[in-house]
Amino acid sequence: MKLYQLRSTQFLPISVEQAWEFLSDPKNLKIITPSYMGFEIVDGADKSMYQGQIIQYIVTPVLGIKTKWVTEITHLENQSFFVDEQRFGPYAFWHHKHFLKAVPGGVEMEDIIDYKIPFGWLGQLMHPLVVQPKLQEIFSYRKHKLIELFGSN
């Protein structure tokens, strides 16, 4: 099974504190997710993010098929980074690192996602046709939404 990686970096003219306040609140994930994904938090977002937190979502990634997704916040350093890992969901493996770094004039946000597609060779065949473009589209939407919310230089 092949391991894939998606990287996304973005600058915003806000402080690390402002970025952390927004990104570490699980409820804000819905704001930066395209509406067609049907993203809904089912459980686990009633507290600020903490290591060991389990968050359950419903997403509708393709063909209107609702999918349950369960992630755990496995690592967290306040105002620096956090990691969410899939415990149950659409991927064979999902490990998403979120980094924040103060830079002149604002904050640099970096996402690194390592993931595996289920269904063996069929999944690998579908990756460049469906999965990779969909993930790129979601992160492009996220970048534009964050610019809309916080501005950009």
C-alpha atoms as a PDB file:
ATOM      1  CA  MET A   1       0.000   0.000   0.000  1.00  0.00           C
ATOM      2  CA  LYS A   2       1.428   3.364  -1.059  1.00  0.00           C
ATOM      3  CA  LEU A   3       1.825   6.271   1.377  1.00  0.00           C
ATOM      4  CA  TYR A   4       0.909   9.684  -0.050  1.00  0.00           C
ATOM      5  CA  GLN A   5       1.677  13.163   1.265  1.00  0.00           C
ATOM      6  CA  LEU A   6       0.010  16.535   0.868  1.00  0.00           C
ATOM      7  CA  ARG A   7       1.727  19.738   2.017  1.00  0.00           C
ATOM      8  CA  SER A   8       0.140  23.136   2.290  1.00  0.00           C
ATOM      9  CA  THR A   9       1.718  26.369   3.549  1.00  0.00           C
ATOM     10  CA  GLN A  10      -0.026  29.682   4.049  1.00  0.00           C
ATOM     11  CA  PHE A  11       0.858  33.112   5.429  1.00  0.00           C
ATOM     12  CA  LEU A  12      -1.714  35.184   7.296  1.00  0.00           C
ATOM     13  CA  PRO A  13      -1.170  38.685   8.723  1.00  0.00           C
ATOM     14  CA  ILE A  14      -2.290  37.703  12.228  1.00  0.00           C
ATOM     15  CA  SER A  15      -0.482  36.665  15.384  1.00  0.00           C
ATOM     16  CA  VAL A  16       0.287  33.083  16.344  1.00  0.00           C
ATOM     17  CA  GLU A  17      -2.111  33.571  19.255  1.00  0.00           C
ATOM     18  CA  GLN A  18      -4.978  34.557  16.909  1.00  0.00           C
ATOM     19  CA  ALA A  19      -4.229  31.677  14.551  1.00  0.00           C
ATOM     20  CA  TRP A  20      -4.050  29.185  17.417  1.00  0.00           C
ATOM     21  CA  GLU A  21      -7.293  30.453  18.953  1.00  0.00           C
ATOM     22  CA  PHE A  22      -9.102  29.811  15.661  1.00  0.00           C
ATOM     23  CA  LEU A  23      -7.412  26.576  14.548  1.00  0.00           C
ATOM     24  CA  SER A  24      -7.447  24.850  17.946  1.00  0.00           C
ATOM     25  CA  ASP A  25     -11.232  25.153  18.234  1.00  0.00           C
ATOM     26  CA  PRO A  26     -12.616  22.029  16.522  1.00  0.00           C
ATOM     27  CA  LYS A  27     -15.909  23.789  15.790  1.00  0.00           C
ATOM     28  CA  ASN A  28     -14.098  26.119  13.363  1.00  0.00           C
ATOM     29  CA  LEU A  29     -13.214  23.240  11.058  1.00  0.00           C
ATOM     30  CA  LYS A  30     -16.721  23.448   9.600  1.00  0.00           C
ATOM     31  CA  ILE A  31     -16.113  27.112   8.661  1.00  0.00           C
ATOM     32  CA  ILE A  32     -13.046  26.235   6.557  1.00  0.00           C
ATOM     33  CA  THR A  33     -14.502  23.088   4.948  1.00  0.00           C
ATOM     34  CA  PRO A  34     -16.492  23.317   1.696  1.00  0.00           C
ATOM     35  CA  SER A  35     -20.241  23.059   2.360  1.00  0.00           C
ATOM     36  CA  TYR A  36     -20.667  20.269  -0.209  1.00  0.00           C
ATOM     37  CA  MET A  37     -18.663  18.028   2.156  1.00  0.00           C
ATOM     38  CA  GLY A  38     -21.653  17.975   4.520  1.00  0.00           C
ATOM     39  CA  PHE A  39     -19.243  18.329   7.448  1.00  0.00           C
ATOM     40  CA  GLU A  40     -20.885  17.951  10.859  1.00  0.00           C
ATOM     41  CA  ILE A  41     -19.270  17.368  14.244  1.00  0.00           C
ATOM     42  CA  VAL A  42     -21.132  14.617  16.069  1.00  0.00           C
ATOM     43  CA  ASP A  43     -19.170  14.556  19.333  1.00  0.00           C
ATOM     44  CA  GLY A  44     -15.999  15.693  21.051  1.00  0.00           C
ATOM     45  CA  ALA A  45     -15.802  19.395  20.181  1.00  0.00           C
ATOM     46  CA  ASP A  46     -17.305  20.726  23.399  1.00  0.00           C
ATOM     47  CA  LYS A  47     -13.879  21.654  24.850  1.00  0.00           C
ATOM     48  CA  SER A  48     -10.803  23.444  23.580  1.00  0.00           C
ATOM     49  CA  MET A  49      -8.376  21.116  21.864  1.00  0.00           C
ATOM     50  CA  TYR A  50      -6.298  18.846  24.104  1.00  0.00           C
ATOM     51  CA  GLN A  51      -4.036  15.849  23.643  1.00  0.00           C
ATOM     52  CA  GLY A  52      -6.096  12.654  23.633  1.00  0.00           C
ATOM     53  CA  GLN A  53      -9.265  14.398  22.434  1.00  0.00           C
ATOM     54  CA  ILE A  54     -11.493  12.187  20.265  1.00  0.00           C
ATOM     55  CA  ILE A  55     -13.644  14.053  17.727  1.00  0.00           C
ATOM     56  CA  GLN A  56     -16.361  12.381  15.666  1.00  0.00           C
ATOM     57  CA  TYR A  57     -17.551  13.840  12.357  1.00  0.00           C
ATOM     58  CA  ILE A  58     -19.899  12.992   9.555  1.00  0.00           C
ATOM     59  CA  VAL A  59     -18.617  13.924   6.094  1.00  0.00           C
ATOM     60  CA  THR A  60     -20.016  13.395   2.621  1.00  0.00           C
ATOM     61  CA  PRO A  61     -16.876  13.299   0.469  1.00  0.00           C
ATOM     62  CA  VAL A  62     -18.228  11.678  -2.715  1.00  0.00           C
ATOM     63  CA  LEU A  63     -21.525  10.706  -4.339  1.00  0.00           C
ATOM     64  CA  GLY A  64     -23.582  11.907  -1.369  1.00  0.00           C
ATOM     65  CA  ILE A  65     -22.387   8.974   0.741  1.00  0.00           C
ATOM     66  CA  LYS A  66     -22.253   9.944   4.422  1.00  0.00           C
ATOM     67  CA  THR A  67     -19.139   8.678   6.174  1.00  0.00           C
ATOM     68  CA  LYS A  68     -18.275   8.661   9.859  1.00  0.00           C
ATOM     69  CA  TRP A  69     -14.794   9.945  10.610  1.00  0.00           C
ATOM     70  CA  VAL A  70     -13.185   9.691  14.050  1.00  0.00           C
ATOM     71  CA  THR A  71      -9.919  11.469  14.799  1.00  0.00           C
ATOM     72  CA  GLU A  72      -7.731  11.766  17.868  1.00  0.00           C
ATOM     73  CA  ILE A  73      -5.522  14.723  18.776  1.00  0.00           C
ATOM     74  CA  THR A  74      -2.364  12.733  19.494  1.00  0.00           C
ATOM     75  CA  HIS A  75       0.199  15.513  19.987  1.00  0.00           C
ATOM     76  CA  LEU A  76      -0.193  19.146  20.929  1.00  0.00           C
ATOM     77  CA  GLU A  77       2.110  21.988  21.882  1.00  0.00           C
ATOM     78  CA  ASN A  78       0.216  25.182  22.667  1.00  0.00           C
ATOM     79  CA  GLN A  79       0.505  27.810  19.919  1.00  0.00           C
ATOM     80  CA  SER A  80       3.024  25.688  18.016  1.00  0.00           C
ATOM     81  CA  PHE A  81       1.538  22.489  16.572  1.00  0.00           C
ATOM     82  CA  PHE A  82      -0.995  19.715  16.878  1.00  0.00           C
ATOM     83  CA  VAL A  83      -1.466  16.350  15.200  1.00  0.00           C
ATOM     84  CA  ASP A  84      -4.727  14.630  14.390  1.00  0.00           C
ATOM     85  CA  GLU A  85      -4.830  10.963  13.447  1.00  0.00           C
ATOM     86  CA  GLN A  86      -7.750   9.044  12.030  1.00  0.00           C
ATOM     87  CA  ARG A  87      -9.038   6.273  14.278  1.00  0.00           C
ATOM     88  CA  PHE A  88     -11.923   5.328  11.993  1.00  0.00           C
ATOM     89  CA  GLY A  89     -12.888   6.716   8.606  1.00  0.00           C
ATOM     90  CA  PRO A  90     -12.426   6.816   4.881  1.00  0.00           C
ATOM     91  CA  TYR A  91      -8.640   6.397   4.760  1.00  0.00           C
ATOM     92  CA  ALA A  92      -6.499   3.350   5.470  1.00  0.00           C
ATOM     93  CA  PHE A  93      -4.168   5.790   7.304  1.00  0.00           C
ATOM     94  CA  TRP A  94      -4.391   9.539   8.070  1.00  0.00           C
ATOM     95  CA  HIS A  95      -1.775  11.540  10.007  1.00  0.00           C
ATOM     96  CA  HIS A  96      -2.206  15.328   9.808  1.00  0.00           C
ATOM     97  CA  LYS A  97       0.358  17.693  11.331  1.00  0.00           C
ATOM     98  CA  HIS A  98      -0.551  21.387  11.774  1.00  0.00           C
ATOM     99  CA  PHE A  99       2.332  23.793  12.458  1.00  0.00           C
ATOM    100  CA  LEU A 100       2.256  27.514  13.337  1.00  0.00           C
ATOM    101  CA  LYS A 101       5.321  29.745  13.196  1.00  0.00           C
ATOM    102  CA  ALA A 102       5.616  33.465  13.866  1.00  0.00           C
ATOM    103  CA  VAL A 103       7.181  35.239  10.881  1.00  0.00           C
ATOM    104  CA  PRO A 104       7.638  38.941  10.141  1.00  0.00           C
ATOM    105  CA  GLY A 105       4.186  40.471   9.707  1.00  0.00           C
ATOM    106  CA  GLY A 106       2.181  37.442  10.752  1.00  0.00           C
ATOM    107  CA  VAL A 107       2.096  33.690  10.976  1.00  0.00           C
ATOM    108  CA  GLU A 108       3.063  30.850   8.664  1.00  0.00           C
ATOM    109  CA  MET A 109       0.764  27.861   8.839  1.00  0.00           C
ATOM    110  CA  GLU A 110       1.928  24.530   7.478  1.00  0.00           C
ATOM    111  CA  ASP A 111      -0.103  21.345   7.078  1.00  0.00           C
ATOM    112  CA  ILE A 112       1.549  18.012   6.327  1.00  0.00           C
ATOM    113  CA  ILE A 113      -0.784  15.103   5.718  1.00  0.00           C
ATOM    114  CA  ASP A 114       0.487  11.567   5.284  1.00  0.00           C
ATOM    115  CA  TYR A 115      -2.242   9.181   4.172  1.00  0.00           C
ATOM    116  CA  LYS A 116      -3.005   5.819   2.592  1.00  0.00           C
ATOM    117  CA  ILE A 117      -5.970   4.949   0.426  1.00  0.00           C
ATOM    118  CA  PRO A 118      -7.950   1.749   1.078  1.00  0.00           C
ATOM    119  CA  PHE A 119      -8.814  -0.839  -1.598  1.00  0.00           C
ATOM    120  CA  GLY A 120      -5.274  -1.750  -2.689  1.00  0.00           C
ATOM    121  CA  TRP A 121      -4.511  -1.272  -6.394  1.00  0.00           C
ATOM    122  CA  LEU A 122      -8.023   0.088  -7.026  1.00  0.00           C
ATOM    123  CA  GLY A 123      -7.434   2.807  -4.411  1.00  0.00           C
ATOM    124  CA  GLN A 124      -4.065   3.619  -5.969  1.00  0.00           C
ATOM    125  CA  LEU A 125      -5.758   3.901  -9.350  1.00  0.00           C
ATOM    126  CA  MET A 126      -8.409   6.246  -7.918  1.00  0.00           C
ATOM    127  CA  HIS A 127      -5.889   8.436  -6.055  1.00  0.00           C
ATOM    128  CA  PRO A 128      -4.832  10.698  -8.970  1.00  0.00           C
ATOM    129  CA  LEU A 129      -8.352  10.720 -10.434  1.00  0.00           C
ATOM    130  CA  VAL A 130     -10.452  11.415  -7.340  1.00  0.00           C
ATOM    131  CA  VAL A 131      -8.689  11.546  -3.965  1.00  0.00           C
ATOM    132  CA  GLN A 132      -5.703  13.798  -4.683  1.00  0.00           C
ATOM    133  CA  PRO A 133      -7.729  16.399  -6.634  1.00  0.00           C
ATOM    134  CA  LYS A 134     -10.415  16.401  -3.907  1.00  0.00           C
ATOM    135  CA  LEU A 135      -7.854  16.968  -1.127  1.00  0.00           C
ATOM    136  CA  GLN A 136      -6.180  19.735  -3.129  1.00  0.00           C
ATOM    137  CA  GLU A 137      -9.583  21.330  -3.701  1.00  0.00           C
ATOM    138  CA  ILE A 138     -10.424  21.176   0.012  1.00  0.00           C
ATOM    139  CA  PHE A 139      -7.113  22.773   1.018  1.00  0.00           C
ATOM    140  CA  SER A 140      -7.458  25.424  -1.686  1.00  0.00           C
ATOM    141  CA  TYR A 141     -10.903  26.264  -0.298  1.00  0.00           C
ATOM    142  CA  ARG A 142      -9.416  26.392   3.201  1.00  0.00           C
ATOM    143  CA  LYS A 143      -6.701  28.831   2.087  1.00  0.00           C
ATOM    144  CA  HIS A 144      -9.234  31.138   0.417  1.00  0.00           C
ATOM    145  CA  LYS A 145     -11.576  30.994   3.409  1.00  0.00           C
ATOM    146  CA  LEU A 146      -8.770  31.868   5.840  1.00  0.00           C
ATOM    147  CA  ILE A 147      -7.791  34.827   3.625  1.00  0.00           C
ATOM    148  CA  GLU A 148     -11.430  35.927   3.625  1.00  0.00           C
ATOM    149  CA  LEU A 149     -11.553  35.671   7.424  1.00  0.00           C
ATOM    150  CA  PHE A 150      -8.154  37.136   8.321  1.00  0.00           C
ATOM    151  CA  GLY A 151      -6.808  38.898   5.239  1.00  0.00           C
ATOM    152  CA  SER A 152      -3.495  38.435   3.506  1.00  0.00           C
ATOM    153  CA  ASN A 153      -0.591  40.545   2.352  1.00  0.00           C
END
